[in-house]
Amino acid sequence: MPTAARRSTRKTASGISLPRFDARTRSSRRYRTLIEELAAEVGGPLSAIDRELVAQAAALALRSEQIREAIVACGPVDADEAIRLTSESRRILLRLKAKATKNKPAVPSITEWLASQAPRPAEAAE
C-alpha cells in the first residue's frame, strides 16, 4: 500500500506553524494576518512559547471578531463564550505586550537627545 505524500508544514515568516486549512477562506486569511501582525508587534526572535501565545491570541481574536459580527447582525451569540474569549484574549495579549515592551529599544528622553545634539565646549571653541 503506497504511503501518502508528505506535505510540508506551512509556516509564517516568524516561524509559526499554520494548521492545515483552506487558505482561500476569509477566516484563514484573517488568521494568518493576525499571526503576522502580532508576531511583528512582539518583535525580536520568538521562542516556542511566544509562537504558541501568538497563535492562541490570533485564534481567540478571530473568534472574537466572528462573535462581534454575529452581535452586529443580531444573530445568536453565546454570552458566556464571548466573555471567556475576551478574558483569555486580554490575558494572552498582556503577556505579549510585556514581551514587546522588553524587546523595544530604549528611546532617549527629550533632555538626553537635546544634550547629545548640543555642541561640546571643545567644539564651540574651534
PDB file of N, CA and C in Angstrom:
ATOM      1  N   MET A   1       0.851  -1.184   0.000  1.00  0.00           N
ATOM      2  CA  MET A   1       0.000   0.000   0.000  1.00  0.00           C
ATOM      3  C   MET A   1       0.891   1.239   0.000  1.00  0.00           C
ATOM      4  N   PRO A   2       0.744   2.110  -0.998  1.00  0.00           N
ATOM      5  CA  PRO A   2       1.607   3.285  -1.072  1.00  0.00           C
ATOM      6  C   PRO A   2       1.291   4.261   0.059  1.00  0.00           C
ATOM      7  N   THR A   3       2.322   4.920   0.519  1.00  0.00           N
ATOM      8  CA  THR A   3       2.122   5.918   1.571  1.00  0.00           C
ATOM      9  C   THR A   3       1.749   7.244   0.941  1.00  0.00           C
ATOM     10  N   ALA A   4       1.007   8.007   1.665  1.00  0.00           N
ATOM     11  CA  ALA A   4       0.595   9.319   1.171  1.00  0.00           C
ATOM     12  C   ALA A   4       1.803  10.249   1.131  1.00  0.00           C
ATOM     13  N   ALA A   5       1.822  11.107   0.153  1.00  0.00           N
ATOM     14  CA  ALA A   5       2.920  12.066   0.046  1.00  0.00           C
ATOM     15  C   ALA A   5       2.874  13.005   1.244  1.00  0.00           C
ATOM     16  N   ARG A   6       4.039  13.261   1.797  1.00  0.00           N
ATOM     17  CA  ARG A   6       4.101  14.169   2.951  1.00  0.00           C
ATOM     18  C   ARG A   6       4.086  15.613   2.457  1.00  0.00           C
ATOM     19  N   ARG A   7       3.227  16.373   3.042  1.00  0.00           N
ATOM     20  CA  ARG A   7       3.190  17.791   2.726  1.00  0.00           C
ATOM     21  C   ARG A   7       4.034  18.526   3.759  1.00  0.00           C
ATOM     22  N   SER A   8       4.711  19.544   3.307  1.00  0.00           N
ATOM     23  CA  SER A   8       5.477  20.331   4.270  1.00  0.00           C
ATOM     24  C   SER A   8       4.515  21.197   5.067  1.00  0.00           C
ATOM     25  N   THR A   9       4.885  21.421   6.314  1.00  0.00           N
ATOM     26  CA  THR A   9       4.066  22.255   7.177  1.00  0.00           C
ATOM     27  C   THR A   9       4.207  23.701   6.738  1.00  0.00           C
ATOM     28  N   ARG A  10       3.081  24.393   6.638  1.00  0.00           N
ATOM     29  CA  ARG A  10       3.114  25.803   6.268  1.00  0.00           C
ATOM     30  C   ARG A  10       3.432  26.612   7.503  1.00  0.00           C
ATOM     31  N   LYS A  11       4.296  27.610   7.330  1.00  0.00           N
ATOM     32  CA  LYS A  11       4.696  28.480   8.431  1.00  0.00           C
ATOM     33  C   LYS A  11       4.665  29.925   7.976  1.00  0.00           C
ATOM     34  N   THR A  12       4.509  30.805   8.950  1.00  0.00           N
ATOM     35  CA  THR A  12       4.574  32.234   8.665  1.00  0.00           C
ATOM     36  C   THR A  12       6.038  32.638   8.614  1.00  0.00           C
ATOM     37  N   ALA A  13       6.292  33.883   8.279  1.00  0.00           N
ATOM     38  CA  ALA A  13       7.670  34.384   8.218  1.00  0.00           C
ATOM     39  C   ALA A  13       8.350  34.317   9.581  1.00  0.00           C
ATOM     40  N   SER A  14       7.571  34.402  10.658  1.00  0.00           N
ATOM     41  CA  SER A  14       8.150  34.348  12.005  1.00  0.00           C
ATOM     42  C   SER A  14       8.301  32.918  12.511  1.00  0.00           C
ATOM     43  N   GLY A  15       7.970  31.934  11.684  1.00  0.00           N
ATOM     44  CA  GLY A  15       8.175  30.538  12.057  1.00  0.00           C
ATOM     45  C   GLY A  15       7.014  29.870  12.761  1.00  0.00           C
ATOM     46  N   ILE A  16       5.855  30.505  12.774  1.00  0.00           N
ATOM     47  CA  ILE A  16       4.679  29.936  13.446  1.00  0.00           C
ATOM     48  C   ILE A  16       3.988  28.982  12.488  1.00  0.00           C
ATOM     49  N   SER A  17       3.826  27.738  12.920  1.00  0.00           N
ATOM     50  CA  SER A  17       3.166  26.727  12.088  1.00  0.00           C
ATOM     51  C   SER A  17       1.690  27.040  11.948  1.00  0.00           C
ATOM     52  N   LEU A  18       1.205  26.887  10.732  1.00  0.00           N
ATOM     53  CA  LEU A  18      -0.214  27.107  10.464  1.00  0.00           C
ATOM     54  C   LEU A  18      -0.918  25.757  10.371  1.00  0.00           C
ATOM     55  N   PRO A  19      -2.126  25.656  10.920  1.00  0.00           N
ATOM     56  CA  PRO A  19      -2.856  24.400  10.790  1.00  0.00           C
ATOM     57  C   PRO A  19      -3.249  24.165   9.337  1.00  0.00           C
ATOM     58  N   ARG A  20      -3.525  22.936   9.011  1.00  0.00           N
ATOM     59  CA  ARG A  20      -3.939  22.617   7.643  1.00  0.00           C
ATOM     60  C   ARG A  20      -5.387  23.076   7.454  1.00  0.00           C
ATOM     61  N   PHE A  21      -5.555  24.031   6.582  1.00  0.00           N
ATOM     62  CA  PHE A  21      -6.888  24.550   6.272  1.00  0.00           C
ATOM     63  C   PHE A  21      -6.862  25.132   4.879  1.00  0.00           C
ATOM     64  N   ASP A  22      -8.022  25.414   4.366  1.00  0.00           N
ATOM     65  CA  ASP A  22      -8.139  26.018   3.050  1.00  0.00           C
ATOM     66  C   ASP A  22      -7.752  27.487   3.171  1.00  0.00           C
ATOM     67  N   ALA A  23      -6.595  27.846   2.655  1.00  0.00           N
ATOM     68  CA  ALA A  23      -6.070  29.201   2.810  1.00  0.00           C
ATOM     69  C   ALA A  23      -6.832  30.234   1.988  1.00  0.00           C
ATOM     70  N   ARG A  24      -7.822  29.800   1.226  1.00  0.00           N
ATOM     71  CA  ARG A  24      -8.582  30.748   0.407  1.00  0.00           C
ATOM     72  C   ARG A  24      -9.742  31.380   1.155  1.00  0.00           C
ATOM     73  N   THR A  25     -10.122  30.821   2.302  1.00  0.00           N
ATOM     74  CA  THR A  25     -11.277  31.360   3.016  1.00  0.00           C
ATOM     75  C   THR A  25     -10.925  32.674   3.699  1.00  0.00           C
ATOM     76  N   ARG A  26     -11.924  33.476   3.931  1.00  0.00           N
ATOM     77  CA  ARG A  26     -11.743  34.760   4.592  1.00  0.00           C
ATOM     78  C   ARG A  26     -11.172  34.579   5.998  1.00  0.00           C
ATOM     79  N   SER A  27     -11.694  33.592   6.718  1.00  0.00           N
ATOM     80  CA  SER A  27     -11.221  33.350   8.080  1.00  0.00           C
ATOM     81  C   SER A  27      -9.759  32.934   8.112  1.00  0.00           C
ATOM     82  N   SER A  28      -9.353  32.081   7.194  1.00  0.00           N
ATOM     83  CA  SER A  28      -7.958  31.631   7.195  1.00  0.00           C
ATOM     84  C   SER A  28      -7.007  32.760   6.832  1.00  0.00           C
ATOM     85  N   ARG A  29      -7.408  33.609   5.907  1.00  0.00           N
ATOM     86  CA  ARG A  29      -6.567  34.755   5.556  1.00  0.00           C
ATOM     87  C   ARG A  29      -6.451  35.716   6.734  1.00  0.00           C
ATOM     88  N   ARG A  30      -7.566  35.926   7.424  1.00  0.00           N
ATOM     89  CA  ARG A  30      -7.555  36.821   8.586  1.00  0.00           C
ATOM     90  C   ARG A  30      -6.694  36.237   9.709  1.00  0.00           C
ATOM     91  N   TYR A  31      -6.773  34.925   9.913  1.00  0.00           N
ATOM     92  CA  TYR A  31      -5.975  34.257  10.944  1.00  0.00           C
ATOM     93  C   TYR A  31      -4.485  34.463  10.662  1.00  0.00           C
ATOM     94  N   ARG A  32      -4.101  34.258   9.429  1.00  0.00           N
ATOM     95  CA  ARG A  32      -2.693  34.437   9.071  1.00  0.00           C
ATOM     96  C   ARG A  32      -2.260  35.890   9.266  1.00  0.00           C
ATOM     97  N   THR A  33      -3.106  36.832   8.887  1.00  0.00           N
ATOM     98  CA  THR A  33      -2.791  38.250   9.060  1.00  0.00           C
ATOM     99  C   THR A  33      -2.626  38.590  10.533  1.00  0.00           C
ATOM    100  N   LEU A  34      -3.529  38.072  11.367  1.00  0.00           N
ATOM    101  CA  LEU A  34      -3.427  38.324  12.806  1.00  0.00           C
ATOM    102  C   LEU A  34      -2.112  37.777  13.367  1.00  0.00           C
ATOM    103  N   ILE A  35      -1.736  36.583  12.949  1.00  0.00           N
ATOM    104  CA  ILE A  35      -0.481  35.994  13.416  1.00  0.00           C
ATOM    105  C   ILE A  35       0.699  36.877  13.015  1.00  0.00           C
ATOM    106  N   GLU A  36       0.714  37.302  11.769  1.00  0.00           N
ATOM    107  CA  GLU A  36       1.827  38.129  11.297  1.00  0.00           C
ATOM    108  C   GLU A  36       1.883  39.469  12.024  1.00  0.00           C
ATOM    109  N   GLU A  37       0.725  40.088  12.261  1.00  0.00           N
ATOM    110  CA  GLU A  37       0.696  41.374  12.956  1.00  0.00           C
ATOM    111  C   GLU A  37       1.133  41.232  14.413  1.00  0.00           C
ATOM    112  N   LEU A  38       0.647  40.199  15.085  1.00  0.00           N
ATOM    113  CA  LEU A  38       1.024  40.005  16.486  1.00  0.00           C
ATOM    114  C   LEU A  38       2.506  39.663  16.614  1.00  0.00           C
ATOM    115  N   ALA A  39       3.016  38.836  15.725  1.00  0.00           N
ATOM    116  CA  ALA A  39       4.441  38.483  15.766  1.00  0.00           C
ATOM    117  C   ALA A  39       5.306  39.719  15.521  1.00  0.00           C
ATOM    118  N   ALA A  40       4.896  40.572  14.591  1.00  0.00           N
ATOM    119  CA  ALA A  40       5.634  41.806  14.322  1.00  0.00           C
ATOM    120  C   ALA A  40       5.580  42.742  15.522  1.00  0.00           C
ATOM    121  N   GLU A  41       4.443  42.789  16.187  1.00  0.00           N
ATOM    122  CA  GLU A  41       4.292  43.646  17.370  1.00  0.00           C
ATOM    123  C   GLU A  41       5.214  43.197  18.496  1.00  0.00           C
ATOM    124  N   VAL A  42       5.324  41.886  18.686  1.00  0.00           N
ATOM    125  CA  VAL A  42       6.208  41.367  19.734  1.00  0.00           C
ATOM    126  C   VAL A  42       7.654  41.663  19.368  1.00  0.00           C
ATOM    127  N   GLY A  43       8.006  41.467  18.112  1.00  0.00           N
ATOM    128  CA  GLY A  43       9.346  41.768  17.643  1.00  0.00           C
ATOM    129  C   GLY A  43      10.380  40.791  18.163  1.00  0.00           C
ATOM    130  N   GLY A  44      11.551  40.880  17.586  1.00  0.00           N
ATOM    131  CA  GLY A  44      12.650  40.019  18.016  1.00  0.00           C
ATOM    132  C   GLY A  44      12.393  38.568  17.679  1.00  0.00           C
ATOM    133  N   PRO A  45      13.349  37.723  17.992  1.00  0.00           N
ATOM    134  CA  PRO A  45      13.148  36.293  17.750  1.00  0.00           C
ATOM    135  C   PRO A  45      12.125  35.732  18.734  1.00  0.00           C
ATOM    136  N   LEU A  46      11.178  34.961  18.228  1.00  0.00           N
ATOM    137  CA  LEU A  46      10.137  34.403  19.083  1.00  0.00           C
ATOM    138  C   LEU A  46      10.557  33.022  19.578  1.00  0.00           C
ATOM    139  N   SER A  47      10.398  32.813  20.882  1.00  0.00           N
ATOM    140  CA  SER A  47      10.651  31.491  21.441  1.00  0.00           C
ATOM    141  C   SER A  47       9.459  30.600  21.106  1.00  0.00           C
ATOM    142  N   ALA A  48       9.575  29.330  21.410  1.00  0.00           N
ATOM    143  CA  ALA A  48       8.467  28.403  21.151  1.00  0.00           C
ATOM    144  C   ALA A  48       7.224  28.822  21.927  1.00  0.00           C
ATOM    145  N   ILE A  49       7.420  29.278  23.139  1.00  0.00           N
ATOM    146  CA  ILE A  49       6.283  29.723  23.958  1.00  0.00           C
ATOM    147  C   ILE A  49       5.642  30.961  23.341  1.00  0.00           C
ATOM    148  N   ASP A  50       6.464  31.901  22.892  1.00  0.00           N
ATOM    149  CA  ASP A  50       5.933  33.112  22.265  1.00  0.00           C
ATOM    150  C   ASP A  50       5.162  32.783  20.991  1.00  0.00           C
ATOM    151  N   ARG A  51       5.694  31.856  20.190  1.00  0.00           N
ATOM    152  CA  ARG A  51       4.987  31.462  18.965  1.00  0.00           C
ATOM    153  C   ARG A  51       3.627  30.861  19.298  1.00  0.00           C
ATOM    154  N   GLU A  52       3.569  30.047  20.334  1.00  0.00           N
ATOM    155  CA  GLU A  52       2.288  29.446  20.742  1.00  0.00           C
ATOM    156  C   GLU A  52       1.327  30.513  21.260  1.00  0.00           C
ATOM    157  N   LEU A  53       1.835  31.463  22.033  1.00  0.00           N
ATOM    158  CA  LEU A  53       0.980  32.546  22.527  1.00  0.00           C
ATOM    159  C   LEU A  53       0.432  33.390  21.380  1.00  0.00           C
ATOM    160  N   VAL A  54       1.274  33.669  20.386  1.00  0.00           N
ATOM    161  CA  VAL A  54       0.826  34.445  19.225  1.00  0.00           C
ATOM    162  C   VAL A  54      -0.264  33.679  18.480  1.00  0.00           C
ATOM    163  N   ALA A  55      -0.071  32.376  18.278  1.00  0.00           N
ATOM    164  CA  ALA A  55      -1.073  31.568  17.574  1.00  0.00           C
ATOM    165  C   ALA A  55      -2.385  31.525  18.362  1.00  0.00           C
ATOM    166  N   GLN A  56      -2.300  31.367  19.693  1.00  0.00           N
ATOM    167  CA  GLN A  56      -3.514  31.356  20.514  1.00  0.00           C
ATOM    168  C   GLN A  56      -4.217  32.703  20.476  1.00  0.00           C
ATOM    169  N   ALA A  57      -3.439  33.767  20.600  1.00  0.00           N
ATOM    170  CA  ALA A  57      -4.029  35.106  20.572  1.00  0.00           C
ATOM    171  C   ALA A  57      -4.728  35.363  19.238  1.00  0.00           C
ATOM    172  N   ALA A  58      -4.120  34.920  18.142  1.00  0.00           N
ATOM    173  CA  ALA A  58      -4.728  35.108  16.819  1.00  0.00           C
ATOM    174  C   ALA A  58      -6.029  34.323  16.700  1.00  0.00           C
ATOM    175  N   ALA A  59      -6.039  33.091  17.182  1.00  0.00           N
ATOM    176  CA  ALA A  59      -7.255  32.270  17.115  1.00  0.00           C
ATOM    177  C   ALA A  59      -8.370  32.879  17.963  1.00  0.00           C
ATOM    178  N   LEU A  60      -8.023  33.346  19.162  1.00  0.00           N
ATOM    179  CA  LEU A  60      -9.034  33.955  20.028  1.00  0.00           C
ATOM    180  C   LEU A  60      -9.540  35.269  19.437  1.00  0.00           C
ATOM    181  N   ALA A  61      -8.647  36.044  18.860  1.00  0.00           N
ATOM    182  CA  ALA A  61      -9.061  37.312  18.248  1.00  0.00           C
ATOM    183  C   ALA A  61      -9.986  37.062  17.059  1.00  0.00           C
ATOM    184  N   LEU A  62      -9.659  36.044  16.269  1.00  0.00           N
ATOM    185  CA  LEU A  62     -10.510  35.705  15.120  1.00  0.00           C
ATOM    186  C   LEU A  62     -11.907  35.310  15.582  1.00  0.00           C
ATOM    187  N   ARG A  63     -11.975  34.460  16.591  1.00  0.00           N
ATOM    188  CA  ARG A  63     -13.288  34.022  17.102  1.00  0.00           C
ATOM    189  C   ARG A  63     -14.047  35.199  17.714  1.00  0.00           C
ATOM    190  N   SER A  64     -13.342  36.081  18.404  1.00  0.00           N
ATOM    191  CA  SER A  64     -13.985  37.270  18.977  1.00  0.00           C
ATOM    192  C   SER A  64     -14.557  38.162  17.885  1.00  0.00           C
ATOM    193  N   GLU A  65     -13.828  38.304  16.780  1.00  0.00           N
ATOM    194  CA  GLU A  65     -14.332  39.089  15.651  1.00  0.00           C
ATOM    195  C   GLU A  65     -15.594  38.462  15.074  1.00  0.00           C
ATOM    196  N   GLN A  66     -15.603  37.128  14.974  1.00  0.00           N
ATOM    197  CA  GLN A  66     -16.787  36.439  14.453  1.00  0.00           C
ATOM    198  C   GLN A  66     -17.982  36.651  15.371  1.00  0.00           C
ATOM    199  N   ILE A  67     -17.750  36.640  16.668  1.00  0.00           N
ATOM    200  CA  ILE A  67     -18.847  36.868  17.619  1.00  0.00           C
ATOM    201  C   ILE A  67     -19.351  38.305  17.509  1.00  0.00           C
ATOM    202  N   ARG A  68     -18.436  39.259  17.368  1.00  0.00           N
ATOM    203  CA  ARG A  68     -18.863  40.658  17.218  1.00  0.00           C
ATOM    204  C   ARG A  68     -19.691  40.843  15.956  1.00  0.00           C
ATOM    205  N   GLU A  69     -19.288  40.160  14.873  1.00  0.00           N
ATOM    206  CA  GLU A  69     -20.068  40.228  13.635  1.00  0.00           C
ATOM    207  C   GLU A  69     -21.471  39.670  13.854  1.00  0.00           C
ATOM    208  N   ALA A  70     -21.575  38.584  14.605  1.00  0.00           N
ATOM    209  CA  ALA A  70     -22.887  37.993  14.901  1.00  0.00           C
ATOM    210  C   ALA A  70     -23.727  38.948  15.744  1.00  0.00           C
ATOM    211  N   ILE A  71     -23.097  39.646  16.673  1.00  0.00           N
ATOM    212  CA  ILE A  71     -23.827  40.615  17.509  1.00  0.00           C
ATOM    213  C   ILE A  71     -24.381  41.730  16.635  1.00  0.00           C
ATOM    214  N   VAL A  72     -23.553  42.257  15.736  1.00  0.00           N
ATOM    215  CA  VAL A  72     -23.985  43.350  14.860  1.00  0.00           C
ATOM    216  C   VAL A  72     -25.102  42.888  13.934  1.00  0.00           C
ATOM    217  N   ALA A  73     -25.028  41.628  13.488  1.00  0.00           N
ATOM    218  CA  ALA A  73     -26.047  41.086  12.588  1.00  0.00           C
ATOM    219  C   ALA A  73     -27.278  40.578  13.343  1.00  0.00           C
ATOM    220  N   CYS A  74     -27.319  40.797  14.651  1.00  0.00           N
ATOM    221  CA  CYS A  74     -28.438  40.354  15.501  1.00  0.00           C
ATOM    222  C   CYS A  74     -28.614  38.835  15.457  1.00  0.00           C
ATOM    223  N   GLY A  75     -27.510  38.130  15.308  1.00  0.00           N
ATOM    224  CA  GLY A  75     -27.542  36.674  15.297  1.00  0.00           C
ATOM    225  C   GLY A  75     -27.421  36.129  16.705  1.00  0.00           C
ATOM    226  N   PRO A  76     -27.597  34.821  16.851  1.00  0.00           N
ATOM    227  CA  PRO A  76     -27.478  34.218  18.178  1.00  0.00           C
ATOM    228  C   PRO A  76     -26.016  34.227  18.643  1.00  0.00           C
ATOM    229  N   VAL A  77     -25.811  34.613  19.886  1.00  0.00           N
ATOM    230  CA  VAL A  77     -24.472  34.699  20.457  1.00  0.00           C
ATOM    231  C   VAL A  77     -24.487  34.074  21.843  1.00  0.00           C
ATOM    232  N   ASP A  78     -23.507  33.246  22.110  1.00  0.00           N
ATOM    233  CA  ASP A  78     -23.338  32.666  23.438  1.00  0.00           C
ATOM    234  C   ASP A  78     -22.578  33.685  24.281  1.00  0.00           C
ATOM    235  N   ALA A  79     -23.260  34.341  25.204  1.00  0.00           N
ATOM    236  CA  ALA A  79     -22.652  35.389  26.022  1.00  0.00           C
ATOM    237  C   ALA A  79     -21.491  34.845  26.848  1.00  0.00           C
ATOM    238  N   ASP A  80     -21.630  33.630  27.348  1.00  0.00           N
ATOM    239  CA  ASP A  80     -20.571  33.034  28.143  1.00  0.00           C
ATOM    240  C   ASP A  80     -19.300  32.860  27.303  1.00  0.00           C
ATOM    241  N   GLU A  81     -19.455  32.393  26.079  1.00  0.00           N
ATOM    242  CA  GLU A  81     -18.302  32.235  25.194  1.00  0.00           C
ATOM    243  C   GLU A  81     -17.641  33.580  24.920  1.00  0.00           C
ATOM    244  N   ALA A  82     -18.446  34.599  24.683  1.00  0.00           N
ATOM    245  CA  ALA A  82     -17.909  35.928  24.393  1.00  0.00           C
ATOM    246  C   ALA A  82     -17.108  36.457  25.582  1.00  0.00           C
ATOM    247  N   ILE A  83     -17.639  36.271  26.781  1.00  0.00           N
ATOM    248  CA  ILE A  83     -16.950  36.747  27.985  1.00  0.00           C
ATOM    249  C   ILE A  83     -15.647  35.984  28.202  1.00  0.00           C
ATOM    250  N   ARG A  84     -15.694  34.680  28.041  1.00  0.00           N
ATOM    251  CA  ARG A  84     -14.483  33.862  28.230  1.00  0.00           C
ATOM    252  C   ARG A  84     -13.409  34.206  27.198  1.00  0.00           C
ATOM    253  N   LEU A  85     -13.818  34.392  25.954  1.00  0.00           N
ATOM    254  CA  LEU A  85     -12.859  34.756  24.907  1.00  0.00           C
ATOM    255  C   LEU A  85     -12.201  36.098  25.200  1.00  0.00           C
ATOM    256  N   THR A  86     -12.999  37.056  25.625  1.00  0.00           N
ATOM    257  CA  THR A  86     -12.473  38.380  25.938  1.00  0.00           C
ATOM    258  C   THR A  86     -11.456  38.308  27.065  1.00  0.00           C
ATOM    259  N   SER A  87     -11.787  37.567  28.100  1.00  0.00           N
ATOM    260  CA  SER A  87     -10.895  37.442  29.248  1.00  0.00           C
ATOM    261  C   SER A  87      -9.594  36.748  28.879  1.00  0.00           C
ATOM    262  N   GLU A  88      -9.689  35.654  28.158  1.00  0.00           N
ATOM    263  CA  GLU A  88      -8.493  34.906  27.775  1.00  0.00           C
ATOM    264  C   GLU A  88      -7.643  35.706  26.791  1.00  0.00           C
ATOM    265  N   SER A  89      -8.282  36.396  25.857  1.00  0.00           N
ATOM    266  CA  SER A  89      -7.547  37.227  24.898  1.00  0.00           C
ATOM    267  C   SER A  89      -6.767  38.318  25.625  1.00  0.00           C
ATOM    268  N   ARG A  90      -7.422  38.959  26.564  1.00  0.00           N
ATOM    269  CA  ARG A  90      -6.777  40.031  27.326  1.00  0.00           C
ATOM    270  C   ARG A  90      -5.544  39.498  28.054  1.00  0.00           C
ATOM    271  N   ARG A  91      -5.669  38.345  28.675  1.00  0.00           N
ATOM    272  CA  ARG A  91      -4.570  37.766  29.437  1.00  0.00           C
ATOM    273  C   ARG A  91      -3.376  37.460  28.526  1.00  0.00           C
ATOM    274  N   ILE A  92      -3.632  36.839  27.393  1.00  0.00           N
ATOM    275  CA  ILE A  92      -2.545  36.490  26.476  1.00  0.00           C
ATOM    276  C   ILE A  92      -1.929  37.745  25.858  1.00  0.00           C
ATOM    277  N   LEU A  93      -2.777  38.697  25.466  1.00  0.00           N
ATOM    278  CA  LEU A  93      -2.258  39.921  24.857  1.00  0.00           C
ATOM    279  C   LEU A  93      -1.405  40.731  25.829  1.00  0.00           C
ATOM    280  N   LEU A  94      -1.753  40.709  27.113  1.00  0.00           N
ATOM    281  CA  LEU A  94      -0.926  41.399  28.107  1.00  0.00           C
ATOM    282  C   LEU A  94       0.449  40.754  28.220  1.00  0.00           C
ATOM    283  N   ARG A  95       0.513  39.433  28.153  1.00  0.00           N
ATOM    284  CA  ARG A  95       1.810  38.744  28.176  1.00  0.00           C
ATOM    285  C   ARG A  95       2.629  39.105  26.950  1.00  0.00           C
ATOM    286  N   LEU A  96       1.974  39.155  25.796  1.00  0.00           N
ATOM    287  CA  LEU A  96       2.685  39.513  24.571  1.00  0.00           C
ATOM    288  C   LEU A  96       3.137  40.975  24.597  1.00  0.00           C
ATOM    289  N   LYS A  97       2.317  41.838  25.170  1.00  0.00           N
ATOM    290  CA  LYS A  97       2.670  43.255  25.267  1.00  0.00           C
ATOM    291  C   LYS A  97       3.895  43.434  26.158  1.00  0.00           C
ATOM    292  N   ALA A  98       3.961  42.678  27.252  1.00  0.00           N
ATOM    293  CA  ALA A  98       5.126  42.757  28.134  1.00  0.00           C
ATOM    294  C   ALA A  98       6.391  42.329  27.389  1.00  0.00           C
ATOM    295  N   LYS A  99       6.288  41.290  26.599  1.00  0.00           N
ATOM    296  CA  LYS A  99       7.423  40.819  25.805  1.00  0.00           C
ATOM    297  C   LYS A  99       7.803  41.875  24.762  1.00  0.00           C
ATOM    298  N   ALA A 100       6.804  42.498  24.134  1.00  0.00           N
ATOM    299  CA  ALA A 100       7.063  43.522  23.114  1.00  0.00           C
ATOM    300  C   ALA A 100       7.763  44.728  23.730  1.00  0.00           C
ATOM    301  N   THR A 101       7.327  45.120  24.914  1.00  0.00           N
ATOM    302  CA  THR A 101       7.938  46.256  25.599  1.00  0.00           C
ATOM    303  C   THR A 101       9.395  45.959  25.922  1.00  0.00           C
ATOM    304  N   LYS A 102       9.657  44.731  26.325  1.00  0.00           N
ATOM    305  CA  LYS A 102      11.023  44.319  26.650  1.00  0.00           C
ATOM    306  C   LYS A 102      11.907  44.298  25.406  1.00  0.00           C
ATOM    307  N   ASN A 103      11.344  43.973  24.252  1.00  0.00           N
ATOM    308  CA  ASN A 103      12.108  43.884  23.010  1.00  0.00           C
ATOM    309  C   ASN A 103      12.356  45.230  22.336  1.00  0.00           C
ATOM    310  N   LYS A 104      11.581  46.249  22.683  1.00  0.00           N
ATOM    311  CA  LYS A 104      11.728  47.552  22.029  1.00  0.00           C
ATOM    312  C   LYS A 104      13.010  48.221  22.502  1.00  0.00           C
ATOM    313  N   PRO A 105      13.727  48.859  21.596  1.00  0.00           N
ATOM    314  CA  PRO A 105      14.950  49.555  22.007  1.00  0.00           C
ATOM    315  C   PRO A 105      14.596  50.778  22.853  1.00  0.00           C
ATOM    316  N   ALA A 106      15.492  51.096  23.770  1.00  0.00           N
ATOM    317  CA  ALA A 106      15.269  52.252  24.642  1.00  0.00           C
ATOM    318  C   ALA A 106      15.355  53.527  23.811  1.00  0.00           C
ATOM    319  N   VAL A 107      14.411  54.410  24.026  1.00  0.00           N
ATOM    320  CA  VAL A 107      14.373  55.680  23.315  1.00  0.00           C
ATOM    321  C   VAL A 107      14.833  56.754  24.292  1.00  0.00           C
ATOM    322  N   PRO A 108      15.796  57.595  23.882  1.00  0.00           N
ATOM    323  CA  PRO A 108      16.266  58.624  24.819  1.00  0.00           C
ATOM    324  C   PRO A 108      15.171  59.658  25.085  1.00  0.00           C
ATOM    325  N   SER A 109      15.210  60.217  26.282  1.00  0.00           N
ATOM    326  CA  SER A 109      14.255  61.276  26.615  1.00  0.00           C
ATOM    327  C   SER A 109      14.621  62.513  25.805  1.00  0.00           C
ATOM    328  N   ILE A 110      13.733  63.469  25.774  1.00  0.00           N
ATOM    329  CA  ILE A 110      13.981  64.694  25.000  1.00  0.00           C
ATOM    330  C   ILE A 110      15.185  65.439  25.565  1.00  0.00           C
ATOM    331  N   THR A 111      15.360  65.411  26.876  1.00  0.00           N
ATOM    332  CA  THR A 111      16.500  66.075  27.506  1.00  0.00           C
ATOM    333  C   THR A 111      17.809  65.406  27.087  1.00  0.00           C
ATOM    334  N   GLU A 112      17.832  64.078  27.079  1.00  0.00           N
ATOM    335  CA  GLU A 112      19.029  63.345  26.663  1.00  0.00           C
ATOM    336  C   GLU A 112      19.334  63.614  25.187  1.00  0.00           C
ATOM    337  N   TRP A 113      18.314  63.641  24.376  1.00  0.00           N
ATOM    338  CA  TRP A 113      18.524  63.872  22.954  1.00  0.00           C
ATOM    339  C   TRP A 113      19.063  65.276  22.700  1.00  0.00           C
ATOM    340  N   LEU A 114      18.476  66.280  23.370  1.00  0.00           N
ATOM    341  CA  LEU A 114      18.950  67.654  23.202  1.00  0.00           C
ATOM    342  C   LEU A 114      20.394  67.783  23.662  1.00  0.00           C
ATOM    343  N   ALA A 115      20.739  67.110  24.765  1.00  0.00           N
ATOM    344  CA  ALA A 115      22.108  67.165  25.264  1.00  0.00           C
ATOM    345  C   ALA A 115      23.075  66.544  24.253  1.00  0.00           C
ATOM    346  N   SER A 116      22.640  65.501  23.583  1.00  0.00           N
ATOM    347  CA  SER A 116      23.518  64.854  22.600  1.00  0.00           C
ATOM    348  C   SER A 116      23.672  65.710  21.344  1.00  0.00           C
ATOM    349  N   GLN A 117      22.731  66.607  21.075  1.00  0.00           N
ATOM    350  CA  GLN A 117      22.782  67.451  19.887  1.00  0.00           C
ATOM    351  C   GLN A 117      23.539  68.758  20.116  1.00  0.00           C
ATOM    352  N   ALA A 118      23.673  69.161  21.383  1.00  0.00           N
ATOM    353  CA  ALA A 118      24.345  70.432  21.700  1.00  0.00           C
ATOM    354  C   ALA A 118      25.844  70.311  21.417  1.00  0.00           C
ATOM    355  N   PRO A 119      26.457  71.388  20.916  1.00  0.00           N
ATOM    356  CA  PRO A 119      27.898  71.323  20.670  1.00  0.00           C
ATOM    357  C   PRO A 119      28.659  71.232  21.990  1.00  0.00           C
ATOM    358  N   ARG A 120      29.732  70.489  21.967  1.00  0.00           N
ATOM    359  CA  ARG A 120      30.572  70.321  23.167  1.00  0.00           C
ATOM    360  C   ARG A 120      31.451  71.572  23.292  1.00  0.00           C
ATOM    361  N   PRO A 121      31.904  71.893  24.519  1.00  0.00           N
ATOM    362  CA  PRO A 121      32.724  73.105  24.709  1.00  0.00           C
ATOM    363  C   PRO A 121      33.975  73.124  23.813  1.00  0.00           C
ATOM    364  N   ALA A 122      34.620  71.986  23.610  1.00  0.00           N
ATOM    365  CA  ALA A 122      35.818  71.941  22.762  1.00  0.00           C
ATOM    366  C   ALA A 122      35.458  72.239  21.307  1.00  0.00           C
ATOM    367  N   GLU A 123      34.311  71.808  20.873  1.00  0.00           N
ATOM    368  CA  GLU A 123      33.861  72.044  19.503  1.00  0.00           C
ATOM    369  C   GLU A 123      33.474  73.512  19.313  1.00  0.00           C
ATOM    370  N   ALA A 124      32.887  74.118  20.357  1.00  0.00           N
ATOM    371  CA  ALA A 124      32.444  75.513  20.262  1.00  0.00           C
ATOM    372  C   ALA A 124      33.626  76.453  20.185  1.00  0.00           C
ATOM    373  N   ALA A 125      34.757  76.113  20.820  1.00  0.00           N
ATOM    374  CA  ALA A 125      35.931  76.977  20.845  1.00  0.00           C
ATOM    375  C   ALA A 125      36.639  76.990  19.492  1.00  0.00           C
ATOM    376  N   GLU A 126      36.503  75.964  18.711  1.00  0.00           N
ATOM    377  CA  GLU A 126      37.199  75.871  17.425  1.00  0.00           C
ATOM    378  C   GLU A 126      36.592  76.727  16.370  1.00  0.00           C
TER     379      GLU A 126
END
